[in-house]
Amino acid sequence: MSDWGPVVIAVVLFVLLSPGLLLQLPGKHHIVEFGNMHTSAMAILVHAIIYFALIALFVIVIGVHITTG
């Protein structure tokens, strides 16, 4: 059986946490900007830290598993 949990969670978080797609933290003019489709080096760093924290939480701490077969 294959465990697809980490793969699905990683792909969903990657899409949702892409800087500028849904939100940008920190924004250019405000702390949070929604849907501006721009990015900066600081936003990439902040989103990478949030991504790592959430992927570690879901995959390691909670242990989400989606099995096939």
PDB file of N, CA and C in Angstrom:
ATOM      1  N   MET A   1       0.836  -1.190   0.000  1.00  0.00           N
ATOM      2  CA  MET A   1       0.000   0.000   0.000  1.00  0.00           C
ATOM      3  C   MET A   1       0.876   1.248   0.000  1.00  0.00           C
ATOM      4  N   SER A   2       0.399   2.256  -0.647  1.00  0.00           N
ATOM      5  CA  SER A   2       1.136   3.514  -0.741  1.00  0.00           C
ATOM      6  C   SER A   2       0.529   4.539   0.195  1.00  0.00           C
ATOM      7  N   ASP A   3       1.376   5.338   0.813  1.00  0.00           N
ATOM      8  CA  ASP A   3       0.927   6.403   1.698  1.00  0.00           C
ATOM      9  C   ASP A   3       1.012   7.723   0.946  1.00  0.00           C
ATOM     10  N   TRP A   4      -0.131   8.275   0.548  1.00  0.00           N
ATOM     11  CA  TRP A   4      -0.184   9.507  -0.229  1.00  0.00           C
ATOM     12  C   TRP A   4      -0.431  10.730   0.638  1.00  0.00           C
ATOM     13  N   GLY A   5      -0.562  10.585   1.933  1.00  0.00           N
ATOM     14  CA  GLY A   5      -0.844  11.707   2.829  1.00  0.00           C
ATOM     15  C   GLY A   5       0.169  12.832   2.742  1.00  0.00           C
ATOM     16  N   PRO A   6       1.463  12.555   2.919  1.00  0.00           N
ATOM     17  CA  PRO A   6       2.461  13.620   2.831  1.00  0.00           C
ATOM     18  C   PRO A   6       2.511  14.304   1.468  1.00  0.00           C
ATOM     19  N   VAL A   7       2.285  13.535   0.400  1.00  0.00           N
ATOM     20  CA  VAL A   7       2.327  14.115  -0.949  1.00  0.00           C
ATOM     21  C   VAL A   7       1.170  15.081  -1.150  1.00  0.00           C
ATOM     22  N   VAL A   8      -0.031  14.659  -0.774  1.00  0.00           N
ATOM     23  CA  VAL A   8      -1.217  15.500  -0.943  1.00  0.00           C
ATOM     24  C   VAL A   8      -1.107  16.760  -0.100  1.00  0.00           C
ATOM     25  N   ILE A   9      -0.685  16.614   1.138  1.00  0.00           N
ATOM     26  CA  ILE A   9      -0.556  17.774   2.029  1.00  0.00           C
ATOM     27  C   ILE A   9       0.499  18.732   1.504  1.00  0.00           C
ATOM     28  N   ALA A  10       1.629  18.221   1.038  1.00  0.00           N
ATOM     29  CA  ALA A  10       2.687  19.084   0.518  1.00  0.00           C
ATOM     30  C   ALA A  10       2.228  19.858  -0.710  1.00  0.00           C
ATOM     31  N   VAL A  11       1.510  19.206  -1.623  1.00  0.00           N
ATOM     32  CA  VAL A  11       1.050  19.887  -2.829  1.00  0.00           C
ATOM     33  C   VAL A  11       0.012  20.946  -2.497  1.00  0.00           C
ATOM     34  N   VAL A  12      -0.939  20.626  -1.645  1.00  0.00           N
ATOM     35  CA  VAL A  12      -1.980  21.591  -1.271  1.00  0.00           C
ATOM     36  C   VAL A  12      -1.377  22.791  -0.557  1.00  0.00           C
ATOM     37  N   LEU A  13      -0.478  22.553   0.388  1.00  0.00           N
ATOM     38  CA  LEU A  13       0.156  23.668   1.093  1.00  0.00           C
ATOM     39  C   LEU A  13       1.026  24.500   0.163  1.00  0.00           C
ATOM     40  N   PHE A  14       1.706  23.857  -0.772  1.00  0.00           N
ATOM     41  CA  PHE A  14       2.551  24.602  -1.713  1.00  0.00           C
ATOM     42  C   PHE A  14       1.709  25.540  -2.562  1.00  0.00           C
ATOM     43  N   VAL A  15       0.573  25.069  -3.036  1.00  0.00           N
ATOM     44  CA  VAL A  15      -0.293  25.907  -3.860  1.00  0.00           C
ATOM     45  C   VAL A  15      -0.903  27.031  -3.029  1.00  0.00           C
ATOM     46  N   LEU A  16      -1.398  26.712  -1.850  1.00  0.00           N
ATOM     47  CA  LEU A  16      -2.060  27.724  -1.020  1.00  0.00           C
ATOM     48  C   LEU A  16      -1.094  28.759  -0.447  1.00  0.00           C
ATOM     49  N   LEU A  17       0.139  28.353  -0.190  1.00  0.00           N
ATOM     50  CA  LEU A  17       1.094  29.265   0.432  1.00  0.00           C
ATOM     51  C   LEU A  17       2.061  29.899  -0.560  1.00  0.00           C
ATOM     52  N   SER A  18       1.776  29.832  -1.838  1.00  0.00           N
ATOM     53  CA  SER A  18       2.596  30.537  -2.814  1.00  0.00           C
ATOM     54  C   SER A  18       2.439  32.034  -2.590  1.00  0.00           C
ATOM     55  N   PRO A  19       3.527  32.766  -2.355  1.00  0.00           N
ATOM     56  CA  PRO A  19       3.404  34.190  -2.040  1.00  0.00           C
ATOM     57  C   PRO A  19       2.703  34.964  -3.150  1.00  0.00           C
ATOM     58  N   GLY A  20       1.679  35.704  -2.769  1.00  0.00           N
ATOM     59  CA  GLY A  20       0.957  36.537  -3.711  1.00  0.00           C
ATOM     60  C   GLY A  20      -0.267  35.889  -4.304  1.00  0.00           C
ATOM     61  N   LEU A  21      -0.410  34.569  -4.207  1.00  0.00           N
ATOM     62  CA  LEU A  21      -1.567  33.907  -4.798  1.00  0.00           C
ATOM     63  C   LEU A  21      -2.821  34.212  -3.987  1.00  0.00           C
ATOM     64  N   LEU A  22      -2.861  33.773  -2.753  1.00  0.00           N
ATOM     65  CA  LEU A  22      -3.985  34.100  -1.881  1.00  0.00           C
ATOM     66  C   LEU A  22      -3.672  35.312  -1.009  1.00  0.00           C
ATOM     67  N   LEU A  23      -2.483  35.304  -0.437  1.00  0.00           N
ATOM     68  CA  LEU A  23      -2.068  36.423   0.402  1.00  0.00           C
ATOM     69  C   LEU A  23      -0.566  36.551   0.371  1.00  0.00           C
ATOM     70  N   GLN A  24      -0.097  37.715   0.766  1.00  0.00           N
ATOM     71  CA  GLN A  24       1.343  37.954   0.856  1.00  0.00           C
ATOM     72  C   GLN A  24       1.640  38.510   2.232  1.00  0.00           C
ATOM     73  N   LEU A  25       2.561  37.860   2.906  1.00  0.00           N
ATOM     74  CA  LEU A  25       2.958  38.240   4.253  1.00  0.00           C
ATOM     75  C   LEU A  25       4.453  38.485   4.255  1.00  0.00           C
ATOM     76  N   PRO A  26       5.064  39.526   4.516  1.00  0.00           N
ATOM     77  CA  PRO A  26       4.529  40.880   4.618  1.00  0.00           C
ATOM     78  C   PRO A  26       4.323  41.484   3.230  1.00  0.00           C
ATOM     79  N   GLY A  27       3.337  42.344   3.122  1.00  0.00           N
ATOM     80  CA  GLY A  27       3.046  42.986   1.848  1.00  0.00           C
ATOM     81  C   GLY A  27       3.933  44.202   1.621  1.00  0.00           C
ATOM     82  N   LYS A  28       3.779  44.834   0.472  1.00  0.00           N
ATOM     83  CA  LYS A  28       4.590  46.013   0.164  1.00  0.00           C
ATOM     84  C   LYS A  28       4.076  47.260   0.868  1.00  0.00           C
ATOM     85  N   HIS A  29       2.742  47.357   1.025  1.00  0.00           N
ATOM     86  CA  HIS A  29       2.152  48.546   1.628  1.00  0.00           C
ATOM     87  C   HIS A  29       1.468  48.256   2.961  1.00  0.00           C
ATOM     88  N   HIS A  30       1.033  47.021   3.168  1.00  0.00           N
ATOM     89  CA  HIS A  30       0.371  46.611   4.402  1.00  0.00           C
ATOM     90  C   HIS A  30       1.058  45.358   4.929  1.00  0.00           C
ATOM     91  N   ILE A  31       0.706  44.974   6.145  1.00  0.00           N
ATOM     92  CA  ILE A  31       1.304  43.765   6.711  1.00  0.00           C
ATOM     93  C   ILE A  31       0.847  42.535   5.935  1.00  0.00           C
ATOM     94  N   VAL A  32      -0.450  42.488   5.609  1.00  0.00           N
ATOM     95  CA  VAL A  32      -1.000  41.385   4.821  1.00  0.00           C
ATOM     96  C   VAL A  32      -1.712  41.976   3.618  1.00  0.00           C
ATOM     97  N   GLU A  33      -1.385  41.483   2.426  1.00  0.00           N
ATOM     98  CA  GLU A  33      -2.064  41.889   1.202  1.00  0.00           C
ATOM     99  C   GLU A  33      -2.659  40.648   0.562  1.00  0.00           C
ATOM    100  N   PHE A  34      -3.875  40.771   0.066  1.00  0.00           N
ATOM    101  CA  PHE A  34      -4.597  39.633  -0.481  1.00  0.00           C
ATOM    102  C   PHE A  34      -4.651  39.694  -1.997  1.00  0.00           C
ATOM    103  N   GLY A  35      -4.242  38.611  -2.649  1.00  0.00           N
ATOM    104  CA  GLY A  35      -4.383  38.434  -4.083  1.00  0.00           C
ATOM    105  C   GLY A  35      -3.709  39.477  -4.944  1.00  0.00           C
ATOM    106  N   ASN A  36      -2.525  39.948  -4.558  1.00  0.00           N
ATOM    107  CA  ASN A  36      -1.872  40.985  -5.356  1.00  0.00           C
ATOM    108  C   ASN A  36      -0.941  40.426  -6.428  1.00  0.00           C
ATOM    109  N   MET A  37      -0.650  39.115  -6.403  1.00  0.00           N
ATOM    110  CA  MET A  37       0.187  38.434  -7.382  1.00  0.00           C
ATOM    111  C   MET A  37       1.599  39.032  -7.490  1.00  0.00           C
ATOM    112  N   HIS A  38       2.095  39.612  -6.430  1.00  0.00           N
ATOM    113  CA  HIS A  38       3.470  40.096  -6.361  1.00  0.00           C
ATOM    114  C   HIS A  38       4.177  39.360  -5.232  1.00  0.00           C
ATOM    115  N   THR A  39       5.488  39.438  -5.206  1.00  0.00           N
ATOM    116  CA  THR A  39       6.239  38.791  -4.146  1.00  0.00           C
ATOM    117  C   THR A  39       7.523  39.561  -3.887  1.00  0.00           C
ATOM    118  N   SER A  40       8.148  39.241  -2.778  1.00  0.00           N
ATOM    119  CA  SER A  40       9.438  39.828  -2.412  1.00  0.00           C
ATOM    120  C   SER A  40      10.262  38.754  -1.719  1.00  0.00           C
ATOM    121  N   ALA A  41      11.500  39.039  -1.493  1.00  0.00           N
ATOM    122  CA  ALA A  41      12.380  38.062  -0.836  1.00  0.00           C
ATOM    123  C   ALA A  41      11.916  37.781   0.589  1.00  0.00           C
ATOM    124  N   MET A  42      11.468  38.814   1.297  1.00  0.00           N
ATOM    125  CA  MET A  42      10.991  38.624   2.668  1.00  0.00           C
ATOM    126  C   MET A  42       9.713  37.786   2.683  1.00  0.00           C
ATOM    127  N   ALA A  43       8.830  38.002   1.715  1.00  0.00           N
ATOM    128  CA  ALA A  43       7.596  37.216   1.640  1.00  0.00           C
ATOM    129  C   ALA A  43       7.906  35.749   1.357  1.00  0.00           C
ATOM    130  N   ILE A  44       8.881  35.492   0.490  1.00  0.00           N
ATOM    131  CA  ILE A  44       9.273  34.112   0.199  1.00  0.00           C
ATOM    132  C   ILE A  44       9.816  33.438   1.451  1.00  0.00           C
ATOM    133  N   LEU A  45      10.625  34.140   2.212  1.00  0.00           N
ATOM    134  CA  LEU A  45      11.178  33.589   3.447  1.00  0.00           C
ATOM    135  C   LEU A  45      10.085  33.299   4.476  1.00  0.00           C
ATOM    136  N   VAL A  46       9.175  34.239   4.668  1.00  0.00           N
ATOM    137  CA  VAL A  46       8.089  34.051   5.639  1.00  0.00           C
ATOM    138  C   VAL A  46       7.193  32.887   5.218  1.00  0.00           C
ATOM    139  N   HIS A  47       6.835  32.811   3.947  1.00  0.00           N
ATOM    140  CA  HIS A  47       5.982  31.726   3.475  1.00  0.00           C
ATOM    141  C   HIS A  47       6.703  30.380   3.562  1.00  0.00           C
ATOM    142  N   ALA A  48       8.007  30.347   3.358  1.00  0.00           N
ATOM    143  CA  ALA A  48       8.766  29.096   3.488  1.00  0.00           C
ATOM    144  C   ALA A  48       8.779  28.611   4.933  1.00  0.00           C
ATOM    145  N   ILE A  49       8.907  29.523   5.872  1.00  0.00           N
ATOM    146  CA  ILE A  49       8.887  29.150   7.289  1.00  0.00           C
ATOM    147  C   ILE A  49       7.517  28.632   7.687  1.00  0.00           C
ATOM    148  N   ILE A  50       6.460  29.303   7.223  1.00  0.00           N
ATOM    149  CA  ILE A  50       5.098  28.850   7.517  1.00  0.00           C
ATOM    150  C   ILE A  50       4.850  27.489   6.872  1.00  0.00           C
ATOM    151  N   TYR A  51       5.307  27.297   5.636  1.00  0.00           N
ATOM    152  CA  TYR A  51       5.153  26.015   4.943  1.00  0.00           C
ATOM    153  C   TYR A  51       5.848  24.894   5.722  1.00  0.00           C
ATOM    154  N   PHE A  52       7.079  25.119   6.153  1.00  0.00           N
ATOM    155  CA  PHE A  52       7.814  24.106   6.897  1.00  0.00           C
ATOM    156  C   PHE A  52       7.113  23.771   8.205  1.00  0.00           C
ATOM    157  N   ALA A  53       6.617  24.780   8.909  1.00  0.00           N
ATOM    158  CA  ALA A  53       5.931  24.540  10.179  1.00  0.00           C
ATOM    159  C   ALA A  53       4.656  23.724   9.972  1.00  0.00           C
ATOM    160  N   LEU A  54       3.877  24.058   8.951  1.00  0.00           N
ATOM    161  CA  LEU A  54       2.627  23.340   8.709  1.00  0.00           C
ATOM    162  C   LEU A  54       2.870  21.924   8.195  1.00  0.00           C
ATOM    163  N   ILE A  55       3.859  21.743   7.332  1.00  0.00           N
ATOM    164  CA  ILE A  55       4.136  20.395   6.823  1.00  0.00           C
ATOM    165  C   ILE A  55       4.662  19.507   7.955  1.00  0.00           C
ATOM    166  N   ALA A  56       5.471  20.062   8.833  1.00  0.00           N
ATOM    167  CA  ALA A  56       5.950  19.291   9.982  1.00  0.00           C
ATOM    168  C   ALA A  56       4.800  18.952  10.923  1.00  0.00           C
ATOM    169  N   LEU A  57       3.893  19.883  11.118  1.00  0.00           N
ATOM    170  CA  LEU A  57       2.747  19.641  11.991  1.00  0.00           C
ATOM    171  C   LEU A  57       1.860  18.540  11.434  1.00  0.00           C
ATOM    172  N   PHE A  58       1.497  18.632  10.158  1.00  0.00           N
ATOM    173  CA  PHE A  58       0.572  17.663   9.592  1.00  0.00           C
ATOM    174  C   PHE A  58       1.199  16.292   9.362  1.00  0.00           C
ATOM    175  N   VAL A  59       2.433  16.248   8.908  1.00  0.00           N
ATOM    176  CA  VAL A  59       3.043  14.965   8.536  1.00  0.00           C
ATOM    177  C   VAL A  59       3.683  14.273   9.730  1.00  0.00           C
ATOM    178  N   ILE A  60       4.400  15.013  10.552  1.00  0.00           N
ATOM    179  CA  ILE A  60       5.139  14.376  11.652  1.00  0.00           C
ATOM    180  C   ILE A  60       4.328  14.317  12.937  1.00  0.00           C
ATOM    181  N   VAL A  61       3.765  15.450  13.358  1.00  0.00           N
ATOM    182  CA  VAL A  61       3.085  15.495  14.653  1.00  0.00           C
ATOM    183  C   VAL A  61       1.727  14.794  14.592  1.00  0.00           C
ATOM    184  N   ILE A  62       0.879  15.195  13.635  1.00  0.00           N
ATOM    185  CA  ILE A  62      -0.453  14.610  13.534  1.00  0.00           C
ATOM    186  C   ILE A  62      -0.396  13.258  12.832  1.00  0.00           C
ATOM    187  N   GLY A  63       0.446  13.141  11.822  1.00  0.00           N
ATOM    188  CA  GLY A  63       0.615  11.870  11.125  1.00  0.00           C
ATOM    189  C   GLY A  63      -0.540  11.545  10.192  1.00  0.00           C
ATOM    190  N   VAL A  64      -0.855  12.442   9.274  1.00  0.00           N
ATOM    191  CA  VAL A  64      -1.939  12.223   8.315  1.00  0.00           C
ATOM    192  C   VAL A  64      -1.509  11.152   7.315  1.00  0.00           C
ATOM    193  N   HIS A  65      -2.364  10.161   7.116  1.00  0.00           N
ATOM    194  CA  HIS A  65      -2.077   9.075   6.178  1.00  0.00           C
ATOM    195  C   HIS A  65      -3.256   8.898   5.230  1.00  0.00           C
ATOM    196  N   ILE A  66      -2.981   8.799   3.950  1.00  0.00           N
ATOM    197  CA  ILE A  66      -3.971   8.454   2.942  1.00  0.00           C
ATOM    198  C   ILE A  66      -3.393   7.265   2.195  1.00  0.00           C
ATOM    199  N   THR A  67      -3.976   6.094   2.429  1.00  0.00           N
ATOM    200  CA  THR A  67      -3.426   4.876   1.824  1.00  0.00           C
ATOM    201  C   THR A  67      -4.252   4.432   0.624  1.00  0.00           C
ATOM    202  N   THR A  68      -3.590   3.830  -0.313  1.00  0.00           N
ATOM    203  CA  THR A  68      -4.253   3.284  -1.493  1.00  0.00           C
ATOM    204  C   THR A  68      -3.928   1.796  -1.600  1.00  0.00           C
ATOM    205  N   GLY A  69      -4.769   1.100  -2.267  1.00  0.00           N
ATOM    206  CA  GLY A  69      -4.479  -0.298  -2.521  1.00  0.00           C
ATOM    207  C   GLY A  69      -5.281  -1.163  -1.667  1.00  0.00           C
TER     208      GLY A  69
END
